[in-house]
Amino acid sequence: MDALTLFGLLAVIAMLIFYALEDRSTWFILAFAGACALASIYGFLQGAWPFGVVEAIWAGVAVWRWRGKTLRAEAPR
């Protein structure tokens, strides 16, 4: 297994773990976004640009979800 494949594997494993833990803390949503960004980088480096684009979109969606949950948690009730 070369270094690029290992990088992609670790990024996808991190995505899986952080996705499973999202209900525990909003920080896991942000960590999921970071893992998606890493998977996007892997996709572009590997030459699978559609994968890179989709993962970049997922990273953006996760950041948007994290921001929304963070703002709702800080809002006065």
PDB file of N, CA and C in Angstrom:
ATOM      1  N   MET A   1       0.858  -1.170   0.000  1.00  0.00           N
ATOM      2  CA  MET A   1       0.000   0.000   0.000  1.00  0.00           C
ATOM      3  C   MET A   1       0.906   1.236   0.000  1.00  0.00           C
ATOM      4  N   ASP A   2       0.687   2.117  -0.967  1.00  0.00           N
ATOM      5  CA  ASP A   2       1.506   3.318  -1.041  1.00  0.00           C
ATOM      6  C   ASP A   2       0.973   4.397  -0.089  1.00  0.00           C
ATOM      7  N   ALA A   3       1.734   5.472   0.045  1.00  0.00           N
ATOM      8  CA  ALA A   3       1.400   6.522   1.009  1.00  0.00           C
ATOM      9  C   ALA A   3       0.080   7.212   0.666  1.00  0.00           C
ATOM     10  N   LEU A   4      -0.190   7.434  -0.615  1.00  0.00           N
ATOM     11  CA  LEU A   4      -1.426   8.104  -1.010  1.00  0.00           C
ATOM     12  C   LEU A   4      -2.649   7.258  -0.671  1.00  0.00           C
ATOM     13  N   THR A   5      -2.565   5.966  -0.918  1.00  0.00           N
ATOM     14  CA  THR A   5      -3.673   5.062  -0.586  1.00  0.00           C
ATOM     15  C   THR A   5      -3.901   5.025   0.918  1.00  0.00           C
ATOM     16  N   LEU A   6      -2.838   4.993   1.693  1.00  0.00           N
ATOM     17  CA  LEU A   6      -2.952   4.995   3.150  1.00  0.00           C
ATOM     18  C   LEU A   6      -3.591   6.298   3.637  1.00  0.00           C
ATOM     19  N   PHE A   7      -3.191   7.423   3.039  1.00  0.00           N
ATOM     20  CA  PHE A   7      -3.783   8.717   3.377  1.00  0.00           C
ATOM     21  C   PHE A   7      -5.295   8.702   3.120  1.00  0.00           C
ATOM     22  N   GLY A   8      -5.705   8.189   1.966  1.00  0.00           N
ATOM     23  CA  GLY A   8      -7.130   8.105   1.634  1.00  0.00           C
ATOM     24  C   GLY A   8      -7.878   7.191   2.583  1.00  0.00           C
ATOM     25  N   LEU A   9      -7.281   6.066   2.912  1.00  0.00           N
ATOM     26  CA  LEU A   9      -7.910   5.127   3.841  1.00  0.00           C
ATOM     27  C   LEU A   9      -8.123   5.766   5.203  1.00  0.00           C
ATOM     28  N   LEU A  10      -7.109   6.452   5.705  1.00  0.00           N
ATOM     29  CA  LEU A  10      -7.224   7.096   7.020  1.00  0.00           C
ATOM     30  C   LEU A  10      -8.258   8.218   7.002  1.00  0.00           C
ATOM     31  N   ALA A  11      -8.337   8.960   5.890  1.00  0.00           N
ATOM     32  CA  ALA A  11      -9.325  10.038   5.785  1.00  0.00           C
ATOM     33  C   ALA A  11     -10.741   9.466   5.823  1.00  0.00           C
ATOM     34  N   VAL A  12     -10.973   8.379   5.103  1.00  0.00           N
ATOM     35  CA  VAL A  12     -12.317   7.790   5.059  1.00  0.00           C
ATOM     36  C   VAL A  12     -12.669   7.137   6.401  1.00  0.00           C
ATOM     37  N   ILE A  13     -11.702   6.513   7.047  1.00  0.00           N
ATOM     38  CA  ILE A  13     -11.948   5.939   8.378  1.00  0.00           C
ATOM     39  C   ILE A  13     -12.307   7.055   9.368  1.00  0.00           C
ATOM     40  N   ALA A  14     -11.584   8.185   9.296  1.00  0.00           N
ATOM     41  CA  ALA A  14     -11.894   9.327  10.174  1.00  0.00           C
ATOM     42  C   ALA A  14     -13.304   9.837   9.897  1.00  0.00           C
ATOM     43  N   MET A  15     -13.690   9.907   8.620  1.00  0.00           N
ATOM     44  CA  MET A  15     -15.052  10.333   8.282  1.00  0.00           C
ATOM     45  C   MET A  15     -16.073   9.428   8.953  1.00  0.00           C
ATOM     46  N   LEU A  16     -15.869   8.139   8.862  1.00  0.00           N
ATOM     47  CA  LEU A  16     -16.802   7.164   9.438  1.00  0.00           C
ATOM     48  C   LEU A  16     -16.910   7.335  10.952  1.00  0.00           C
ATOM     49  N   ILE A  17     -15.775   7.455  11.613  1.00  0.00           N
ATOM     50  CA  ILE A  17     -15.773   7.578  13.074  1.00  0.00           C
ATOM     51  C   ILE A  17     -16.456   8.878  13.515  1.00  0.00           C
ATOM     52  N   PHE A  18     -16.083   9.994  12.886  1.00  0.00           N
ATOM     53  CA  PHE A  18     -16.659  11.279  13.289  1.00  0.00           C
ATOM     54  C   PHE A  18     -18.146  11.370  12.951  1.00  0.00           C
ATOM     55  N   TYR A  19     -18.550  10.757  11.860  1.00  0.00           N
ATOM     56  CA  TYR A  19     -19.979  10.739  11.521  1.00  0.00           C
ATOM     57  C   TYR A  19     -20.767   9.977  12.581  1.00  0.00           C
ATOM     58  N   ALA A  20     -20.215   8.862  13.040  1.00  0.00           N
ATOM     59  CA  ALA A  20     -20.890   8.055  14.060  1.00  0.00           C
ATOM     60  C   ALA A  20     -20.991   8.795  15.392  1.00  0.00           C
ATOM     61  N   LEU A  21     -20.072   9.711  15.652  1.00  0.00           N
ATOM     62  CA  LEU A  21     -20.035  10.418  16.932  1.00  0.00           C
ATOM     63  C   LEU A  21     -20.700  11.792  16.899  1.00  0.00           C
ATOM     64  N   GLU A  22     -21.284  12.191  15.763  1.00  0.00           N
ATOM     65  CA  GLU A  22     -21.835  13.540  15.616  1.00  0.00           C
ATOM     66  C   GLU A  22     -22.860  13.919  16.673  1.00  0.00           C
ATOM     67  N   ASP A  23     -23.651  12.980  17.151  1.00  0.00           N
ATOM     68  CA  ASP A  23     -24.690  13.298  18.135  1.00  0.00           C
ATOM     69  C   ASP A  23     -24.110  13.631  19.510  1.00  0.00           C
ATOM     70  N   ARG A  24     -22.865  13.296  19.754  1.00  0.00           N
ATOM     71  CA  ARG A  24     -22.256  13.522  21.064  1.00  0.00           C
ATOM     72  C   ARG A  24     -21.772  14.957  21.268  1.00  0.00           C
ATOM     73  N   SER A  25     -21.355  15.602  20.182  1.00  0.00           N
ATOM     74  CA  SER A  25     -20.843  16.966  20.298  1.00  0.00           C
ATOM     75  C   SER A  25     -20.819  17.614  18.921  1.00  0.00           C
ATOM     76  N   THR A  26     -21.029  18.921  18.912  1.00  0.00           N
ATOM     77  CA  THR A  26     -20.939  19.631  17.636  1.00  0.00           C
ATOM     78  C   THR A  26     -19.511  19.615  17.098  1.00  0.00           C
ATOM     79  N   TRP A  27     -18.535  19.412  17.971  1.00  0.00           N
ATOM     80  CA  TRP A  27     -17.142  19.368  17.523  1.00  0.00           C
ATOM     81  C   TRP A  27     -16.889  18.161  16.627  1.00  0.00           C
ATOM     82  N   PHE A  28     -17.642  17.085  16.808  1.00  0.00           N
ATOM     83  CA  PHE A  28     -17.488  15.929  15.922  1.00  0.00           C
ATOM     84  C   PHE A  28     -18.020  16.243  14.524  1.00  0.00           C
ATOM     85  N   ILE A  29     -18.987  17.147  14.431  1.00  0.00           N
ATOM     86  CA  ILE A  29     -19.463  17.578  13.108  1.00  0.00           C
ATOM     87  C   ILE A  29     -18.342  18.334  12.397  1.00  0.00           C
ATOM     88  N   LEU A  30     -17.665  19.208  13.133  1.00  0.00           N
ATOM     89  CA  LEU A  30     -16.554  19.952  12.550  1.00  0.00           C
ATOM     90  C   LEU A  30     -15.401  19.009  12.187  1.00  0.00           C
ATOM     91  N   ALA A  31     -15.149  18.021  13.023  1.00  0.00           N
ATOM     92  CA  ALA A  31     -14.104  17.040  12.713  1.00  0.00           C
ATOM     93  C   ALA A  31     -14.479  16.236  11.466  1.00  0.00           C
ATOM     94  N   PHE A  32     -15.767  15.919  11.308  1.00  0.00           N
ATOM     95  CA  PHE A  32     -16.236  15.236  10.108  1.00  0.00           C
ATOM     96  C   PHE A  32     -15.976  16.098   8.878  1.00  0.00           C
ATOM     97  N   ALA A  33     -16.213  17.399   9.000  1.00  0.00           N
ATOM     98  CA  ALA A  33     -15.940  18.319   7.892  1.00  0.00           C
ATOM     99  C   ALA A  33     -14.460  18.287   7.520  1.00  0.00           C
ATOM    100  N   GLY A  34     -13.604  18.286   8.514  1.00  0.00           N
ATOM    101  CA  GLY A  34     -12.161  18.211   8.262  1.00  0.00           C
ATOM    102  C   GLY A  34     -11.767  16.911   7.581  1.00  0.00           C
ATOM    103  N   ALA A  35     -12.365  15.811   8.023  1.00  0.00           N
ATOM    104  CA  ALA A  35     -12.076  14.518   7.403  1.00  0.00           C
ATOM    105  C   ALA A  35     -12.574  14.488   5.960  1.00  0.00           C
ATOM    106  N   CYS A  36     -13.712  15.114   5.703  1.00  0.00           N
ATOM    107  CA  CYS A  36     -14.221  15.212   4.321  1.00  0.00           C
ATOM    108  C   CYS A  36     -13.257  16.028   3.463  1.00  0.00           C
ATOM    109  N   ALA A  37     -12.712  17.095   4.020  1.00  0.00           N
ATOM    110  CA  ALA A  37     -11.744  17.912   3.283  1.00  0.00           C
ATOM    111  C   ALA A  37     -10.500  17.091   2.951  1.00  0.00           C
ATOM    112  N   LEU A  38     -10.046  16.287   3.903  1.00  0.00           N
ATOM    113  CA  LEU A  38      -8.897  15.413   3.636  1.00  0.00           C
ATOM    114  C   LEU A  38      -9.218  14.386   2.559  1.00  0.00           C
ATOM    115  N   ALA A  39     -10.428  13.824   2.593  1.00  0.00           N
ATOM    116  CA  ALA A  39     -10.835  12.870   1.571  1.00  0.00           C
ATOM    117  C   ALA A  39     -10.933  13.559   0.206  1.00  0.00           C
ATOM    118  N   SER A  40     -11.343  14.818   0.194  1.00  0.00           N
ATOM    119  CA  SER A  40     -11.393  15.581  -1.045  1.00  0.00           C
ATOM    120  C   SER A  40      -9.993  15.761  -1.622  1.00  0.00           C
ATOM    121  N   ILE A  41      -9.063  16.123  -0.768  1.00  0.00           N
ATOM    122  CA  ILE A  41      -7.673  16.266  -1.207  1.00  0.00           C
ATOM    123  C   ILE A  41      -7.170  14.951  -1.784  1.00  0.00           C
ATOM    124  N   TYR A  42      -7.474  13.857  -1.096  1.00  0.00           N
ATOM    125  CA  TYR A  42      -7.084  12.541  -1.604  1.00  0.00           C
ATOM    126  C   TYR A  42      -7.670  12.301  -2.993  1.00  0.00           C
ATOM    127  N   GLY A  43      -8.947  12.602  -3.174  1.00  0.00           N
ATOM    128  CA  GLY A  43      -9.581  12.380  -4.468  1.00  0.00           C
ATOM    129  C   GLY A  43      -8.884  13.135  -5.581  1.00  0.00           C
ATOM    130  N   PHE A  44      -8.564  14.402  -5.334  1.00  0.00           N
ATOM    131  CA  PHE A  44      -7.876  15.184  -6.366  1.00  0.00           C
ATOM    132  C   PHE A  44      -6.463  14.667  -6.614  1.00  0.00           C
ATOM    133  N   LEU A  45      -5.729  14.315  -5.547  1.00  0.00           N
ATOM    134  CA  LEU A  45      -4.369  13.792  -5.721  1.00  0.00           C
ATOM    135  C   LEU A  45      -4.360  12.457  -6.453  1.00  0.00           C
ATOM    136  N   GLN A  46      -5.387  11.672  -6.226  1.00  0.00           N
ATOM    137  CA  GLN A  46      -5.470  10.347  -6.817  1.00  0.00           C
ATOM    138  C   GLN A  46      -5.923  10.412  -8.280  1.00  0.00           C
ATOM    139  N   GLY A  47      -6.496  11.533  -8.665  1.00  0.00           N
ATOM    140  CA  GLY A  47      -6.942  11.697 -10.038  1.00  0.00           C
ATOM    141  C   GLY A  47      -8.430  11.452 -10.232  1.00  0.00           C
ATOM    142  N   ALA A  48      -9.146  11.200  -9.146  1.00  0.00           N
ATOM    143  CA  ALA A  48     -10.594  10.973  -9.209  1.00  0.00           C
ATOM    144  C   ALA A  48     -11.289  12.279  -8.837  1.00  0.00           C
ATOM    145  N   TRP A  49     -11.249  13.258  -9.755  1.00  0.00           N
ATOM    146  CA  TRP A  49     -11.762  14.586  -9.432  1.00  0.00           C
ATOM    147  C   TRP A  49     -13.242  14.597  -9.057  1.00  0.00           C
ATOM    148  N   PRO A  50     -14.118  13.706  -9.631  1.00  0.00           N
ATOM    149  CA  PRO A  50     -15.512  13.748  -9.156  1.00  0.00           C
ATOM    150  C   PRO A  50     -15.624  13.419  -7.659  1.00  0.00           C
ATOM    151  N   PHE A  51     -14.825  12.478  -7.196  1.00  0.00           N
ATOM    152  CA  PHE A  51     -14.794  12.143  -5.772  1.00  0.00           C
ATOM    153  C   PHE A  51     -14.320  13.354  -4.969  1.00  0.00           C
ATOM    154  N   GLY A  52     -13.283  14.027  -5.464  1.00  0.00           N
ATOM    155  CA  GLY A  52     -12.771  15.211  -4.779  1.00  0.00           C
ATOM    156  C   GLY A  52     -13.811  16.311  -4.681  1.00  0.00           C
ATOM    157  N   VAL A  53     -14.574  16.512  -5.745  1.00  0.00           N
ATOM    158  CA  VAL A  53     -15.614  17.550  -5.747  1.00  0.00           C
ATOM    159  C   VAL A  53     -16.720  17.203  -4.754  1.00  0.00           C
ATOM    160  N   VAL A  54     -17.184  15.967  -4.794  1.00  0.00           N
ATOM    161  CA  VAL A  54     -18.273  15.551  -3.893  1.00  0.00           C
ATOM    162  C   VAL A  54     -17.842  15.653  -2.437  1.00  0.00           C
ATOM    163  N   GLU A  55     -16.641  15.244  -2.135  1.00  0.00           N
ATOM    164  CA  GLU A  55     -16.165  15.329  -0.750  1.00  0.00           C
ATOM    165  C   GLU A  55     -15.996  16.780  -0.312  1.00  0.00           C
ATOM    166  N   ALA A  56     -15.598  17.664  -1.229  1.00  0.00           N
ATOM    167  CA  ALA A  56     -15.504  19.087  -0.891  1.00  0.00           C
ATOM    168  C   ALA A  56     -16.886  19.649  -0.574  1.00  0.00           C
ATOM    169  N   ILE A  57     -17.887  19.223  -1.327  1.00  0.00           N
ATOM    170  CA  ILE A  57     -19.262  19.656  -1.046  1.00  0.00           C
ATOM    171  C   ILE A  57     -19.709  19.140   0.314  1.00  0.00           C
ATOM    172  N   TRP A  58     -19.410  17.867   0.616  1.00  0.00           N
ATOM    173  CA  TRP A  58     -19.763  17.310   1.921  1.00  0.00           C
ATOM    174  C   TRP A  58     -19.085  18.089   3.046  1.00  0.00           C
ATOM    175  N   ALA A  59     -17.843  18.485   2.834  1.00  0.00           N
ATOM    176  CA  ALA A  59     -17.136  19.270   3.849  1.00  0.00           C
ATOM    177  C   ALA A  59     -17.864  20.590   4.089  1.00  0.00           C
ATOM    178  N   GLY A  60     -18.289  21.240   3.007  1.00  0.00           N
ATOM    179  CA  GLY A  60     -19.032  22.494   3.140  1.00  0.00           C
ATOM    180  C   GLY A  60     -20.359  22.314   3.851  1.00  0.00           C
ATOM    181  N   VAL A  61     -21.070  21.245   3.527  1.00  0.00           N
ATOM    182  CA  VAL A  61     -22.348  20.963   4.182  1.00  0.00           C
ATOM    183  C   VAL A  61     -22.133  20.716   5.678  1.00  0.00           C
ATOM    184  N   ALA A  62     -21.086  19.988   6.013  1.00  0.00           N
ATOM    185  CA  ALA A  62     -20.811  19.696   7.426  1.00  0.00           C
ATOM    186  C   ALA A  62     -20.457  20.968   8.191  1.00  0.00           C
ATOM    187  N   VAL A  63     -19.675  21.859   7.582  1.00  0.00           N
ATOM    188  CA  VAL A  63     -19.353  23.127   8.244  1.00  0.00           C
ATOM    189  C   VAL A  63     -20.627  23.947   8.435  1.00  0.00           C
ATOM    190  N   TRP A  64     -21.486  23.966   7.425  1.00  0.00           N
ATOM    191  CA  TRP A  64     -22.762  24.680   7.514  1.00  0.00           C
ATOM    192  C   TRP A  64     -23.613  24.103   8.651  1.00  0.00           C
ATOM    193  N   ARG A  65     -23.679  22.764   8.784  1.00  0.00           N
ATOM    194  CA  ARG A  65     -24.437  22.119   9.866  1.00  0.00           C
ATOM    195  C   ARG A  65     -23.822  22.461  11.222  1.00  0.00           C
ATOM    196  N   TRP A  66     -22.489  22.421  11.314  1.00  0.00           N
ATOM    197  CA  TRP A  66     -21.811  22.734  12.570  1.00  0.00           C
ATOM    198  C   TRP A  66     -22.109  24.174  12.987  1.00  0.00           C
ATOM    199  N   ARG A  67     -22.026  25.086  12.036  1.00  0.00           N
ATOM    200  CA  ARG A  67     -22.280  26.493  12.340  1.00  0.00           C
ATOM    201  C   ARG A  67     -23.727  26.697  12.797  1.00  0.00           C
ATOM    202  N   GLY A  68     -24.662  26.053  12.113  1.00  0.00           N
ATOM    203  CA  GLY A  68     -26.067  26.177  12.496  1.00  0.00           C
ATOM    204  C   GLY A  68     -26.332  25.647  13.896  1.00  0.00           C
ATOM    205  N   LYS A  69     -25.772  24.499  14.221  1.00  0.00           N
ATOM    206  CA  LYS A  69     -25.982  23.933  15.556  1.00  0.00           C
ATOM    207  C   LYS A  69     -25.280  24.751  16.622  1.00  0.00           C
ATOM    208  N   THR A  70     -24.120  25.283  16.309  1.00  0.00           N
ATOM    209  CA  THR A  70     -23.392  26.107  17.267  1.00  0.00           C
ATOM    210  C   THR A  70     -24.151  27.395  17.554  1.00  0.00           C
ATOM    211  N   LEU A  71     -24.678  28.039  16.513  1.00  0.00           N
ATOM    212  CA  LEU A  71     -25.430  29.281  16.708  1.00  0.00           C
ATOM    213  C   LEU A  71     -26.721  29.029  17.475  1.00  0.00           C
ATOM    214  N   ARG A  72     -27.392  27.919  17.196  1.00  0.00           N
ATOM    215  CA  ARG A  72     -28.625  27.601  17.940  1.00  0.00           C
ATOM    216  C   ARG A  72     -28.318  27.327  19.403  1.00  0.00           C
ATOM    217  N   ALA A  73     -27.207  26.704  19.686  1.00  0.00           N
ATOM    218  CA  ALA A  73     -26.845  26.405  21.074  1.00  0.00           C
ATOM    219  C   ALA A  73     -26.505  27.677  21.846  1.00  0.00           C
ATOM    220  N   GLU A  74     -25.980  28.691  21.153  1.00  0.00           N
ATOM    221  CA  GLU A  74     -25.594  29.943  21.809  1.00  0.00           C
ATOM    222  C   GLU A  74     -26.745  30.933  21.934  1.00  0.00           C
ATOM    223  N   ALA A  75     -27.812  30.715  21.163  1.00  0.00           N
ATOM    224  CA  ALA A  75     -28.939  31.661  21.163  1.00  0.00           C
ATOM    225  C   ALA A  75     -29.656  31.635  22.503  1.00  0.00           C
ATOM    226  N   PRO A  76     -30.065  32.805  22.979  1.00  0.00           N
ATOM    227  CA  PRO A  76     -30.829  32.830  24.235  1.00  0.00           C
ATOM    228  C   PRO A  76     -32.204  32.191  24.037  1.00  0.00           C
ATOM    229  N   ARG A  77     -32.666  31.551  25.087  1.00  0.00           N
ATOM    230  CA  ARG A  77     -33.957  30.837  24.984  1.00  0.00           C
ATOM    231  C   ARG A  77     -35.051  31.569  25.667  1.00  0.00           C
TER     232      ARG A  77
END
